[in-house]
Amino acid sequence: MAEPARAKPKPTPETQHFWDGTRAGELRLQRCDDCAHVYFPPRPFCPSCGCRKVSVFKASGKAKLYSYVINHRPAAPGFTPPYAIAVVELDEGPRMMSNILDCPQTPEALELDMKLEVAFEQLDDAITLPQFRPAKG
């Protein structure tokens, strides 16, 4: 019997630019044209000032590990425990949930504030997920 597949996000008109970016190997964020606030997740207005004039830009892909929990229970289809459920803080300011790749999933290896870089995991032709791994160099 095949293992259940990982849940996939469903792009919406408001988030399509983000998913187009990940498919192209880019992490795209939004910036308010009025107050310059950079934010995630995608939405058609600035969460800081409410302005609807926002721009999409390519982020650096650099981040640091802000917080995490190591899951040891086989609760989520498509994941093999133990695995880290992480919150990363992007160099541009916003935080996002992700997983940490290419690193032991232990408290000794997952140090808070460790430098990370984006890595992309293609699930299918439409969805590529942004993940993070320890930065090289």
N, C-alpha and C. Protein backbone atom coordinates (compact mmCIF):
# COMPACT_ATOMS: atom_id res chain seq x y z
N MET A 1 0.84 -1.18 0.00
CA MET A 1 0.00 0.00 0.00
C MET A 1 0.89 1.25 0.00
N ALA A 2 0.59 2.17 -0.89
CA ALA A 2 1.40 3.39 -1.02
C ALA A 2 1.15 4.32 0.16
N GLU A 3 2.22 5.00 0.57
CA GLU A 3 2.11 5.97 1.66
C GLU A 3 1.34 7.19 1.16
N PRO A 4 0.47 7.78 1.99
CA PRO A 4 -0.25 8.98 1.57
C PRO A 4 0.71 10.10 1.19
N ALA A 5 0.32 10.87 0.19
CA ALA A 5 1.17 11.96 -0.30
C ALA A 5 1.08 13.18 0.62
N ARG A 6 2.10 13.98 0.55
CA ARG A 6 2.15 15.23 1.29
C ARG A 6 1.06 16.16 0.78
N ALA A 7 0.42 16.89 1.67
CA ALA A 7 -0.60 17.86 1.28
C ALA A 7 0.04 18.96 0.44
N LYS A 8 -0.68 19.40 -0.57
CA LYS A 8 -0.16 20.45 -1.46
C LYS A 8 -0.97 21.73 -1.29
N PRO A 9 -0.30 22.86 -1.30
CA PRO A 9 -1.03 24.13 -1.25
C PRO A 9 -1.81 24.34 -2.53
N LYS A 10 -2.86 25.12 -2.45
CA LYS A 10 -3.67 25.45 -3.62
C LYS A 10 -3.49 26.94 -3.93
N PRO A 11 -2.78 27.26 -5.01
CA PRO A 11 -2.59 28.67 -5.36
C PRO A 11 -3.94 29.37 -5.61
N THR A 12 -3.98 30.62 -5.24
CA THR A 12 -5.13 31.48 -5.49
C THR A 12 -4.65 32.66 -6.34
N PRO A 13 -5.55 33.46 -6.87
CA PRO A 13 -5.07 34.64 -7.63
C PRO A 13 -4.15 35.54 -6.81
N GLU A 14 -4.36 35.60 -5.49
CA GLU A 14 -3.54 36.45 -4.63
C GLU A 14 -2.15 35.85 -4.36
N THR A 15 -2.02 34.53 -4.49
CA THR A 15 -0.74 33.89 -4.18
C THR A 15 -0.02 33.33 -5.41
N GLN A 16 -0.64 33.43 -6.58
CA GLN A 16 -0.07 32.82 -7.79
C GLN A 16 1.35 33.32 -8.07
N HIS A 17 1.62 34.62 -7.86
CA HIS A 17 2.97 35.15 -8.12
C HIS A 17 4.01 34.43 -7.26
N PHE A 18 3.64 34.09 -6.02
CA PHE A 18 4.56 33.39 -5.12
C PHE A 18 4.88 32.01 -5.67
N TRP A 19 3.85 31.26 -6.08
CA TRP A 19 4.05 29.89 -6.60
C TRP A 19 4.74 29.90 -7.95
N ASP A 20 4.47 30.91 -8.78
CA ASP A 20 5.21 31.04 -10.05
C ASP A 20 6.70 31.25 -9.75
N GLY A 21 6.99 32.03 -8.71
CA GLY A 21 8.37 32.29 -8.32
C GLY A 21 9.07 31.04 -7.83
N THR A 22 8.43 30.28 -6.95
CA THR A 22 9.09 29.07 -6.43
C THR A 22 9.34 28.08 -7.56
N ARG A 23 8.41 27.99 -8.50
CA ARG A 23 8.60 27.09 -9.65
C ARG A 23 9.81 27.53 -10.48
N ALA A 24 10.08 28.85 -10.50
CA ALA A 24 11.22 29.40 -11.24
C ALA A 24 12.49 29.44 -10.38
N GLY A 25 12.43 28.92 -9.16
CA GLY A 25 13.60 28.93 -8.29
C GLY A 25 13.84 30.27 -7.61
N GLU A 26 12.77 31.04 -7.40
CA GLU A 26 12.86 32.34 -6.75
C GLU A 26 11.90 32.40 -5.57
N LEU A 27 12.34 33.03 -4.50
CA LEU A 27 11.47 33.30 -3.37
C LEU A 27 10.99 34.74 -3.55
N ARG A 28 9.71 34.91 -3.82
CA ARG A 28 9.15 36.24 -4.10
C ARG A 28 8.33 36.73 -2.91
N LEU A 29 8.60 37.96 -2.52
CA LEU A 29 7.89 38.62 -1.43
C LEU A 29 7.17 39.84 -1.98
N GLN A 30 6.39 40.47 -1.11
CA GLN A 30 5.71 41.71 -1.48
C GLN A 30 6.18 42.84 -0.58
N ARG A 31 6.20 44.05 -1.17
CA ARG A 31 6.59 45.27 -0.44
C ARG A 31 5.53 46.33 -0.72
N CYS A 32 5.13 47.02 0.33
CA CYS A 32 4.16 48.10 0.19
C CYS A 32 4.83 49.28 -0.51
N ASP A 33 4.19 49.80 -1.54
CA ASP A 33 4.72 50.96 -2.26
C ASP A 33 4.58 52.24 -1.45
N ASP A 34 3.73 52.20 -0.42
CA ASP A 34 3.48 53.40 0.38
C ASP A 34 4.40 53.48 1.60
N CYS A 35 4.41 52.40 2.43
CA CYS A 35 5.18 52.45 3.68
C CYS A 35 6.44 51.58 3.64
N ALA A 36 6.69 50.85 2.55
CA ALA A 36 7.88 50.01 2.34
C ALA A 36 7.92 48.76 3.22
N HIS A 37 6.82 48.41 3.88
CA HIS A 37 6.76 47.20 4.70
C HIS A 37 6.86 45.96 3.81
N VAL A 38 7.75 45.03 4.15
CA VAL A 38 7.89 43.77 3.42
C VAL A 38 7.13 42.71 4.21
N TYR A 39 6.34 41.89 3.52
CA TYR A 39 5.51 40.95 4.24
C TYR A 39 5.33 39.60 3.54
N PHE A 40 4.92 38.64 4.37
CA PHE A 40 4.55 37.29 3.95
C PHE A 40 3.55 36.82 5.00
N PRO A 41 2.52 36.09 4.64
CA PRO A 41 2.19 35.52 3.34
C PRO A 41 1.62 36.55 2.38
N PRO A 42 1.56 36.17 1.09
CA PRO A 42 1.05 37.09 0.07
C PRO A 42 -0.40 37.49 0.34
N ARG A 43 -0.69 38.75 0.03
CA ARG A 43 -2.06 39.28 0.09
C ARG A 43 -2.10 40.56 -0.74
N PRO A 44 -3.28 40.97 -1.16
CA PRO A 44 -3.37 42.11 -2.09
C PRO A 44 -3.26 43.49 -1.42
N PHE A 45 -2.99 43.54 -0.12
CA PHE A 45 -2.88 44.82 0.58
C PHE A 45 -1.81 44.71 1.65
N CYS A 46 -1.27 45.82 2.07
CA CYS A 46 -0.23 45.86 3.10
C CYS A 46 -0.86 45.60 4.47
N PRO A 47 -0.35 44.61 5.22
CA PRO A 47 -0.91 44.35 6.55
C PRO A 47 -0.53 45.43 7.57
N SER A 48 0.42 46.28 7.21
CA SER A 48 0.85 47.34 8.13
C SER A 48 -0.01 48.59 8.01
N CYS A 49 -0.23 49.04 6.76
CA CYS A 49 -0.97 50.31 6.57
C CYS A 49 -2.26 50.15 5.77
N GLY A 50 -2.50 48.99 5.17
CA GLY A 50 -3.73 48.76 4.42
C GLY A 50 -3.69 49.21 2.98
N CYS A 51 -2.58 49.78 2.53
CA CYS A 51 -2.46 50.26 1.15
C CYS A 51 -2.57 49.09 0.17
N ARG A 52 -3.21 49.31 -0.96
CA ARG A 52 -3.34 48.27 -1.98
C ARG A 52 -2.29 48.40 -3.08
N LYS A 53 -1.41 49.39 -2.97
CA LYS A 53 -0.31 49.51 -3.93
C LYS A 53 0.89 48.75 -3.40
N VAL A 54 1.06 47.53 -3.90
CA VAL A 54 2.16 46.67 -3.45
C VAL A 54 2.92 46.15 -4.66
N SER A 55 4.19 45.86 -4.45
CA SER A 55 5.06 45.34 -5.51
C SER A 55 5.60 43.98 -5.09
N VAL A 56 5.85 43.14 -6.07
CA VAL A 56 6.45 41.82 -5.86
C VAL A 56 7.93 41.95 -6.22
N PHE A 57 8.80 41.36 -5.39
CA PHE A 57 10.23 41.39 -5.70
C PHE A 57 10.87 40.06 -5.32
N LYS A 58 12.02 39.77 -5.92
CA LYS A 58 12.77 38.56 -5.63
C LYS A 58 13.57 38.77 -4.35
N ALA A 59 13.33 37.91 -3.36
CA ALA A 59 14.05 37.98 -2.09
C ALA A 59 15.42 37.33 -2.23
N SER A 60 16.28 37.58 -1.27
CA SER A 60 17.64 37.05 -1.31
C SER A 60 17.68 35.53 -1.11
N GLY A 61 16.68 34.98 -0.42
CA GLY A 61 16.69 33.56 -0.11
C GLY A 61 17.51 33.23 1.13
N LYS A 62 18.00 34.26 1.80
CA LYS A 62 18.79 34.07 3.02
C LYS A 62 17.88 34.27 4.23
N ALA A 63 18.16 33.47 5.28
CA ALA A 63 17.32 33.52 6.47
C ALA A 63 18.13 33.04 7.67
N LYS A 64 17.48 33.08 8.84
CA LYS A 64 18.06 32.47 10.03
C LYS A 64 16.95 31.69 10.72
N LEU A 65 17.36 30.68 11.46
CA LEU A 65 16.41 29.85 12.18
C LEU A 65 15.89 30.62 13.39
N TYR A 66 14.60 30.90 13.40
CA TYR A 66 13.99 31.68 14.47
C TYR A 66 13.46 30.77 15.58
N SER A 67 12.80 29.68 15.19
CA SER A 67 12.22 28.76 16.15
C SER A 67 11.93 27.44 15.45
N TYR A 68 11.75 26.38 16.24
CA TYR A 68 11.41 25.09 15.64
C TYR A 68 10.89 24.15 16.70
N VAL A 69 10.25 23.11 16.25
CA VAL A 69 9.88 21.98 17.09
C VAL A 69 10.22 20.73 16.28
N ILE A 70 10.69 19.70 16.94
CA ILE A 70 10.99 18.45 16.25
C ILE A 70 9.83 17.50 16.49
N ASN A 71 9.18 17.13 15.40
CA ASN A 71 8.05 16.21 15.48
C ASN A 71 8.55 14.77 15.43
N HIS A 72 8.13 13.98 16.40
CA HIS A 72 8.52 12.57 16.45
C HIS A 72 7.35 11.63 16.16
N ARG A 73 6.18 12.19 15.99
CA ARG A 73 4.99 11.36 15.75
C ARG A 73 4.67 11.30 14.27
N PRO A 74 4.25 10.16 13.77
CA PRO A 74 3.93 10.04 12.34
C PRO A 74 2.53 10.57 12.02
N ALA A 75 2.30 11.86 12.29
CA ALA A 75 0.97 12.43 12.13
C ALA A 75 0.71 13.01 10.74
N ALA A 76 1.72 13.43 10.04
CA ALA A 76 1.52 14.14 8.77
C ALA A 76 1.92 13.26 7.59
N PRO A 77 1.00 13.00 6.67
CA PRO A 77 1.35 12.21 5.48
C PRO A 77 2.47 12.88 4.68
N GLY A 78 3.39 12.06 4.21
CA GLY A 78 4.49 12.57 3.40
C GLY A 78 5.72 12.96 4.19
N PHE A 79 5.69 12.82 5.50
CA PHE A 79 6.83 13.16 6.34
C PHE A 79 7.25 11.92 7.13
N THR A 80 8.54 11.76 7.29
CA THR A 80 9.08 10.66 8.09
C THR A 80 9.71 11.26 9.34
N PRO A 81 9.18 10.93 10.52
CA PRO A 81 9.75 11.49 11.73
C PRO A 81 11.13 10.91 12.03
N PRO A 82 11.97 11.64 12.76
CA PRO A 82 11.72 12.98 13.25
C PRO A 82 12.00 14.03 12.16
N TYR A 83 11.24 15.12 12.19
CA TYR A 83 11.48 16.22 11.27
C TYR A 83 11.16 17.53 11.97
N ALA A 84 11.87 18.56 11.58
CA ALA A 84 11.69 19.88 12.20
C ALA A 84 10.61 20.66 11.47
N ILE A 85 9.73 21.23 12.25
CA ILE A 85 8.77 22.22 11.76
C ILE A 85 9.35 23.55 12.22
N ALA A 86 9.80 24.35 11.29
CA ALA A 86 10.60 25.53 11.64
C ALA A 86 9.92 26.83 11.25
N VAL A 87 10.26 27.86 11.99
CA VAL A 87 9.94 29.24 11.61
C VAL A 87 11.28 29.88 11.28
N VAL A 88 11.40 30.37 10.05
CA VAL A 88 12.62 31.05 9.64
C VAL A 88 12.33 32.53 9.48
N GLU A 89 13.32 33.35 9.81
CA GLU A 89 13.20 34.79 9.63
C GLU A 89 14.04 35.18 8.43
N LEU A 90 13.37 35.64 7.39
CA LEU A 90 14.06 36.03 6.17
C LEU A 90 14.88 37.29 6.40
N ASP A 91 15.97 37.45 5.66
CA ASP A 91 16.80 38.65 5.80
C ASP A 91 15.99 39.91 5.53
N GLU A 92 14.94 39.80 4.74
CA GLU A 92 14.10 40.96 4.42
C GLU A 92 13.11 41.29 5.53
N GLY A 93 13.01 40.42 6.56
CA GLY A 93 12.17 40.72 7.72
C GLY A 93 11.05 39.74 8.01
N PRO A 94 10.25 39.33 7.03
CA PRO A 94 9.14 38.43 7.34
C PRO A 94 9.60 37.07 7.84
N ARG A 95 8.72 36.41 8.55
CA ARG A 95 8.95 35.04 9.01
C ARG A 95 8.02 34.11 8.24
N MET A 96 8.49 32.88 8.03
CA MET A 96 7.64 31.89 7.38
C MET A 96 7.93 30.51 7.95
N MET A 97 6.92 29.65 7.90
CA MET A 97 7.10 28.26 8.34
C MET A 97 7.70 27.47 7.20
N SER A 98 8.54 26.51 7.56
CA SER A 98 9.20 25.69 6.57
C SER A 98 9.75 24.44 7.24
N ASN A 99 10.54 23.71 6.49
CA ASN A 99 11.28 22.57 7.02
C ASN A 99 12.76 22.84 6.78
N ILE A 100 13.60 22.18 7.56
CA ILE A 100 15.04 22.33 7.41
C ILE A 100 15.57 21.04 6.78
N LEU A 101 16.24 21.19 5.66
CA LEU A 101 16.80 20.07 4.91
C LEU A 101 18.29 19.97 5.14
N ASP A 102 18.87 18.82 4.77
CA ASP A 102 20.33 18.63 4.77
C ASP A 102 20.97 18.92 6.12
N CYS A 103 20.26 18.56 7.17
CA CYS A 103 20.75 18.82 8.53
C CYS A 103 20.12 17.78 9.46
N PRO A 104 20.89 17.23 10.39
CA PRO A 104 20.28 16.31 11.35
C PRO A 104 19.13 17.00 12.08
N GLN A 105 18.07 16.30 12.31
CA GLN A 105 16.89 16.87 12.95
C GLN A 105 16.99 16.68 14.46
N THR A 106 18.02 17.32 15.03
CA THR A 106 18.30 17.23 16.46
C THR A 106 18.52 18.62 17.03
N PRO A 107 18.29 18.81 18.33
CA PRO A 107 18.56 20.11 18.95
C PRO A 107 20.02 20.52 18.84
N GLU A 108 20.93 19.55 18.81
CA GLU A 108 22.35 19.88 18.71
C GLU A 108 22.69 20.49 17.34
N ALA A 109 22.01 20.05 16.30
CA ALA A 109 22.29 20.55 14.95
C ALA A 109 21.46 21.77 14.58
N LEU A 110 20.27 21.86 15.11
CA LEU A 110 19.37 22.97 14.77
C LEU A 110 19.54 24.09 15.79
N GLU A 111 20.52 24.92 15.55
CA GLU A 111 20.83 26.02 16.47
C GLU A 111 20.03 27.26 16.09
N LEU A 112 19.40 27.88 17.08
CA LEU A 112 18.67 29.12 16.81
C LEU A 112 19.64 30.16 16.25
N ASP A 113 19.14 30.94 15.32
CA ASP A 113 19.90 31.98 14.62
C ASP A 113 20.90 31.44 13.61
N MET A 114 20.93 30.11 13.39
CA MET A 114 21.84 29.58 12.37
C MET A 114 21.45 30.13 11.01
N LYS A 115 22.46 30.41 10.20
CA LYS A 115 22.24 30.96 8.86
C LYS A 115 21.67 29.87 7.96
N LEU A 116 20.66 30.25 7.17
CA LEU A 116 19.99 29.34 6.27
C LEU A 116 19.91 29.94 4.87
N GLU A 117 19.66 29.06 3.89
CA GLU A 117 19.41 29.51 2.53
C GLU A 117 18.25 28.69 1.98
N VAL A 118 17.52 29.29 1.07
CA VAL A 118 16.36 28.62 0.50
C VAL A 118 16.79 27.49 -0.43
N ALA A 119 15.99 26.44 -0.44
CA ALA A 119 16.15 25.31 -1.35
C ALA A 119 14.73 24.97 -1.81
N PHE A 120 14.59 24.55 -3.03
CA PHE A 120 13.25 24.31 -3.56
C PHE A 120 13.00 22.83 -3.79
N GLU A 121 11.83 22.37 -3.37
CA GLU A 121 11.42 20.98 -3.52
C GLU A 121 10.21 20.93 -4.46
N GLN A 122 10.41 20.37 -5.64
CA GLN A 122 9.32 20.27 -6.62
C GLN A 122 8.43 19.09 -6.27
N LEU A 123 7.15 19.38 -5.99
CA LEU A 123 6.19 18.32 -5.70
C LEU A 123 5.53 17.79 -6.97
N ASP A 124 5.26 18.70 -7.90
CA ASP A 124 4.67 18.34 -9.20
C ASP A 124 4.91 19.50 -10.15
N ASP A 125 4.28 19.49 -11.33
CA ASP A 125 4.50 20.54 -12.31
C ASP A 125 4.01 21.91 -11.85
N ALA A 126 3.06 21.94 -10.93
CA ALA A 126 2.48 23.22 -10.50
C ALA A 126 3.05 23.73 -9.18
N ILE A 127 3.46 22.85 -8.29
CA ILE A 127 3.87 23.27 -6.94
C ILE A 127 5.32 22.90 -6.65
N THR A 128 6.08 23.92 -6.28
CA THR A 128 7.44 23.78 -5.77
C THR A 128 7.47 24.49 -4.44
N LEU A 129 7.89 23.78 -3.40
CA LEU A 129 7.90 24.34 -2.04
C LEU A 129 9.24 24.97 -1.70
N PRO A 130 9.21 26.13 -1.04
CA PRO A 130 10.45 26.68 -0.50
C PRO A 130 10.77 25.99 0.82
N GLN A 131 11.97 25.43 0.91
CA GLN A 131 12.47 24.80 2.12
C GLN A 131 13.77 25.53 2.46
N PHE A 132 14.36 25.23 3.58
CA PHE A 132 15.62 25.88 3.94
C PHE A 132 16.64 24.85 4.40
N ARG A 133 17.92 25.18 4.18
CA ARG A 133 19.02 24.32 4.59
C ARG A 133 20.12 25.22 5.15
N PRO A 134 21.04 24.64 5.92
CA PRO A 134 22.14 25.48 6.43
C PRO A 134 22.88 26.15 5.28
N ALA A 135 23.20 27.42 5.48
CA ALA A 135 23.90 28.19 4.44
C ALA A 135 25.32 27.67 4.27
N LYS A 136 25.76 27.67 3.04
CA LYS A 136 27.13 27.26 2.73
C LYS A 136 28.05 28.47 2.87
N GLY A 137 29.13 28.28 3.58
CA GLY A 137 30.12 29.36 3.72
C GLY A 137 29.76 30.36 4.68
